[in-house]
C-alpha atoms as a PDB file:
ATOM      1  CA  UNK A   1      85.607 156.355 276.780  1.00  0.00           C
ATOM      2  CA  UNK A   2      82.468 154.490 275.741  1.00  0.00           C
ATOM      3  CA  UNK A   3      81.037 154.058 272.280  1.00  0.00           C
ATOM      4  CA  UNK A   4      77.296 153.405 272.063  1.00  0.00           C
ATOM      5  CA  UNK A   5      75.584 152.085 268.946  1.00  0.00           C
ATOM      6  CA  UNK A   6      71.797 151.851 268.845  1.00  0.00           C
ATOM      7  CA  UNK A   7      69.790 149.632 266.528  1.00  0.00           C
ATOM      8  CA  UNK A   8      66.268 148.311 266.143  1.00  0.00           C
ATOM      9  CA  UNK A   9      64.357 151.446 265.305  1.00  0.00           C
ATOM     10  CA  UNK A  10      61.851 151.622 262.480  1.00  0.00           C
ATOM     11  CA  UNK A  11      58.244 152.199 261.558  1.00  0.00           C
ATOM     12  CA  UNK A  12      55.371 150.331 263.163  1.00  0.00           C
ATOM     13  CA  UNK A  13      51.618 150.617 263.386  1.00  0.00           C
ATOM     14  CA  UNK A  14      49.896 151.606 266.627  1.00  0.00           C
ATOM     15  CA  UNK A  15      49.724 148.645 268.970  1.00  0.00           C
ATOM     16  CA  UNK A  16      52.870 147.127 267.512  1.00  0.00           C
ATOM     17  CA  UNK A  17      56.188 146.311 269.132  1.00  0.00           C
ATOM     18  CA  UNK A  18      59.859 147.088 268.617  1.00  0.00           C
ATOM     19  CA  UNK A  19      63.011 146.166 270.499  1.00  0.00           C
ATOM     20  CA  UNK A  20      65.863 148.633 270.616  1.00  0.00           C
ATOM     21  CA  UNK A  21      69.405 147.533 271.331  1.00  0.00           C
ATOM     22  CA  UNK A  22      72.403 149.560 272.420  1.00  0.00           C
ATOM     23  CA  UNK A  23      75.804 147.940 272.172  1.00  0.00           C
ATOM     24  CA  UNK A  24      78.548 149.482 274.291  1.00  0.00           C
ATOM     25  CA  UNK A  25      82.277 149.189 273.758  1.00  0.00           C
ATOM     26  CA  UNK A  26      85.479 150.738 275.017  1.00  0.00           C
ATOM     27  CA  UNK A  27      85.044 150.420 278.757  1.00  0.00           C
ATOM     28  CA  UNK A  28      83.754 148.190 281.553  1.00  0.00           C
ATOM     29  CA  UNK A  29      80.015 147.954 280.927  1.00  0.00           C
ATOM     30  CA  UNK A  30      79.136 147.049 284.512  1.00  0.00           C
ATOM     31  CA  UNK A  31      80.481 150.413 285.710  1.00  0.00           C
ATOM     32  CA  UNK A  32      77.705 152.255 283.927  1.00  0.00           C
ATOM     33  CA  UNK A  33      74.105 153.015 284.668  1.00  0.00           C
ATOM     34  CA  UNK A  34      72.287 152.892 281.351  1.00  0.00           C
ATOM     35  CA  UNK A  35      69.261 154.702 280.037  1.00  0.00           C
ATOM     36  CA  UNK A  36      67.044 155.307 277.058  1.00  0.00           C
ATOM     37  CA  UNK A  37      65.927 158.831 276.242  1.00  0.00           C
ATOM     38  CA  UNK A  38      63.787 160.131 273.416  1.00  0.00           C
ATOM     39  CA  UNK A  39      63.298 163.413 271.642  1.00  0.00           C
ATOM     40  CA  UNK A  40      60.292 164.216 269.499  1.00  0.00           C
ATOM     41  CA  UNK A  41      60.318 167.126 267.021  1.00  0.00           C
ATOM     42  CA  UNK A  42      60.003 170.425 268.841  1.00  0.00           C
ATOM     43  CA  UNK A  43      60.249 168.820 272.271  1.00  0.00           C
ATOM     44  CA  UNK A  44      62.958 168.405 274.863  1.00  0.00           C
ATOM     45  CA  UNK A  45      64.809 165.150 275.296  1.00  0.00           C
ATOM     46  CA  UNK A  46      63.177 163.087 278.023  1.00  0.00           C
ATOM     47  CA  UNK A  47      64.063 160.007 280.030  1.00  0.00           C
ATOM     48  CA  UNK A  48      62.141 156.919 278.954  1.00  0.00           C
ATOM     49  CA  UNK A  49      63.709 154.210 281.107  1.00  0.00           C
ATOM     50  CA  UNK A  50      66.863 153.605 283.098  1.00  0.00           C
ATOM     51  CA  UNK A  51      68.655 150.626 284.577  1.00  0.00           C
ATOM     52  CA  UNK A  52      71.427 150.796 287.140  1.00  0.00           C
ATOM     53  CA  UNK A  53      74.592 148.740 287.187  1.00  0.00           C
ATOM     54  CA  UNK A  54      72.775 146.572 289.740  1.00  0.00           C
ATOM     55  CA  UNK A  55      69.768 146.211 287.389  1.00  0.00           C
ATOM     56  CA  UNK A  56      67.304 148.392 289.291  1.00  0.00           C
ATOM     57  CA  UNK A  57      64.926 150.036 286.847  1.00  0.00           C
ATOM     58  CA  UNK A  58      62.726 153.078 286.570  1.00  0.00           C
ATOM     59  CA  UNK A  59      60.361 154.302 283.884  1.00  0.00           C
ATOM     60  CA  UNK A  60      58.627 157.414 282.716  1.00  0.00           C
ATOM     61  CA  UNK A  61      54.949 157.316 283.679  1.00  0.00           C
ATOM     62  CA  UNK A  62      53.984 157.463 280.004  1.00  0.00           C
ATOM     63  CA  UNK A  63      55.616 154.099 279.251  1.00  0.00           C
ATOM     64  CA  UNK A  64      55.062 152.143 282.455  1.00  0.00           C
ATOM     65  CA  UNK A  65      53.508 148.770 281.728  1.00  0.00           C
ATOM     66  CA  UNK A  66      54.377 148.995 278.020  1.00  0.00           C
ATOM     67  CA  UNK A  67      58.177 149.289 277.883  1.00  0.00           C
ATOM     68  CA  UNK A  68      60.806 147.119 279.545  1.00  0.00           C
ATOM     69  CA  UNK A  69      64.473 147.967 279.904  1.00  0.00           C
ATOM     70  CA  UNK A  70      67.029 145.228 280.463  1.00  0.00           C
ATOM     71  CA  UNK A  71      70.753 144.692 280.198  1.00  0.00           C
ATOM     72  CA  UNK A  72      73.022 141.796 279.305  1.00  0.00           C
ATOM     73  CA  UNK A  73      76.379 142.463 280.926  1.00  0.00           C
ATOM     74  CA  UNK A  74      77.976 139.536 279.094  1.00  0.00           C
ATOM     75  CA  UNK A  75      77.081 141.152 275.760  1.00  0.00           C
ATOM     76  CA  UNK A  76      77.655 144.766 276.868  1.00  0.00           C
ATOM     77  CA  UNK A  77      74.176 145.552 275.607  1.00  0.00           C
ATOM     78  CA  UNK A  78      71.096 147.290 276.938  1.00  0.00           C
ATOM     79  CA  UNK A  79      67.652 146.711 275.453  1.00  0.00           C
ATOM     80  CA  UNK A  80      64.348 148.511 275.362  1.00  0.00           C
ATOM     81  CA  UNK A  81      61.365 146.305 274.585  1.00  0.00           C
ATOM     82  CA  UNK A  82      58.494 148.523 273.471  1.00  0.00           C
ATOM     83  CA  UNK A  83      54.997 147.072 273.301  1.00  0.00           C
ATOM     84  CA  UNK A  84      51.580 148.614 272.643  1.00  0.00           C
ATOM     85  CA  UNK A  85      53.230 151.477 270.820  1.00  0.00           C
ATOM     86  CA  UNK A  86      51.324 154.711 270.371  1.00  0.00           C
ATOM     87  CA  UNK A  87      51.766 157.555 267.872  1.00  0.00           C
ATOM     88  CA  UNK A  88      53.019 159.726 270.735  1.00  0.00           C
ATOM     89  CA  UNK A  89      55.969 157.345 271.160  1.00  0.00           C
ATOM     90  CA  UNK A  90      57.316 158.617 267.833  1.00  0.00           C
ATOM     91  CA  UNK A  91      60.750 160.117 268.453  1.00  0.00           C
ATOM     92  CA  UNK A  92      64.463 159.629 268.068  1.00  0.00           C
ATOM     93  CA  UNK A  93      65.572 157.274 270.835  1.00  0.00           C
ATOM     94  CA  UNK A  94      69.009 157.722 272.357  1.00  0.00           C
ATOM     95  CA  UNK A  95      71.063 155.380 274.478  1.00  0.00           C
ATOM     96  CA  UNK A  96      72.855 156.911 277.461  1.00  0.00           C
ATOM     97  CA  UNK A  97      75.672 155.629 279.670  1.00  0.00           C
ATOM     98  CA  UNK A  98      76.501 157.238 283.008  1.00  0.00           C
ATOM     99  CA  UNK A  99      79.653 156.138 284.862  1.00  0.00           C
ATOM    100  CA  UNK A 100      78.737 155.225 288.431  1.00  0.00           C
ATOM    101  CA  UNK A 101      81.801 156.926 289.950  1.00  0.00           C
ATOM    102  CA  UNK A 102      82.897 159.765 287.668  1.00  0.00           C
ATOM    103  CA  UNK A 103      79.349 160.547 286.448  1.00  0.00           C
ATOM    104  CA  UNK A 104      80.711 161.084 282.942  1.00  0.00           C
ATOM    105  CA  UNK A 105      77.900 160.691 280.415  1.00  0.00           C
ATOM    106  CA  UNK A 106      78.010 159.267 276.916  1.00  0.00           C
ATOM    107  CA  UNK A 107      75.347 159.267 274.207  1.00  0.00           C
ATOM    108  CA  UNK A 108      74.633 157.152 271.181  1.00  0.00           C
ATOM    109  CA  UNK A 109      73.771 158.596 267.792  1.00  0.00           C
ATOM    110  CA  UNK A 110      70.059 157.859 268.090  1.00  0.00           C
ATOM    111  CA  UNK A 111      67.589 155.650 266.257  1.00  0.00           C
ATOM    112  CA  UNK A 112      64.262 156.759 264.806  1.00  0.00           C
ATOM    113  CA  UNK A 113      61.020 155.172 265.983  1.00  0.00           C
ATOM    114  CA  UNK A 114      57.876 156.076 264.064  1.00  0.00           C
ATOM    115  CA  UNK A 115      54.427 154.873 265.121  1.00  0.00           C
ATOM    116  CA  UNK A 116      51.815 155.578 262.492  1.00  0.00           C
ATOM    117  CA  UNK A 117      48.915 153.951 260.732  1.00  0.00           C
END
């Protein structure tokens, strides 16, 4: 069982930056691939960025070059650095943990990101 707690969301003007954090507890962090998803009103949840247990990363085309995912295994935390934010980045952002063997998936409660002038 893994508990995921996101933080760092908020409101920012276009072009601004935010850093999201997701703290994991309850299991061995290194056994999980981690990801950030987002869901805007009226839209499906979509993958934003993912990082494997070995720290390989991949990104949605819409955020490449602007967002960076990273993980600190000593702190059981995954981060999403978001730069050059656009109004279309407005969404609830969710942290996701996927066990590398059992494929069991856990979700955080979500954190709101609003980009508006």
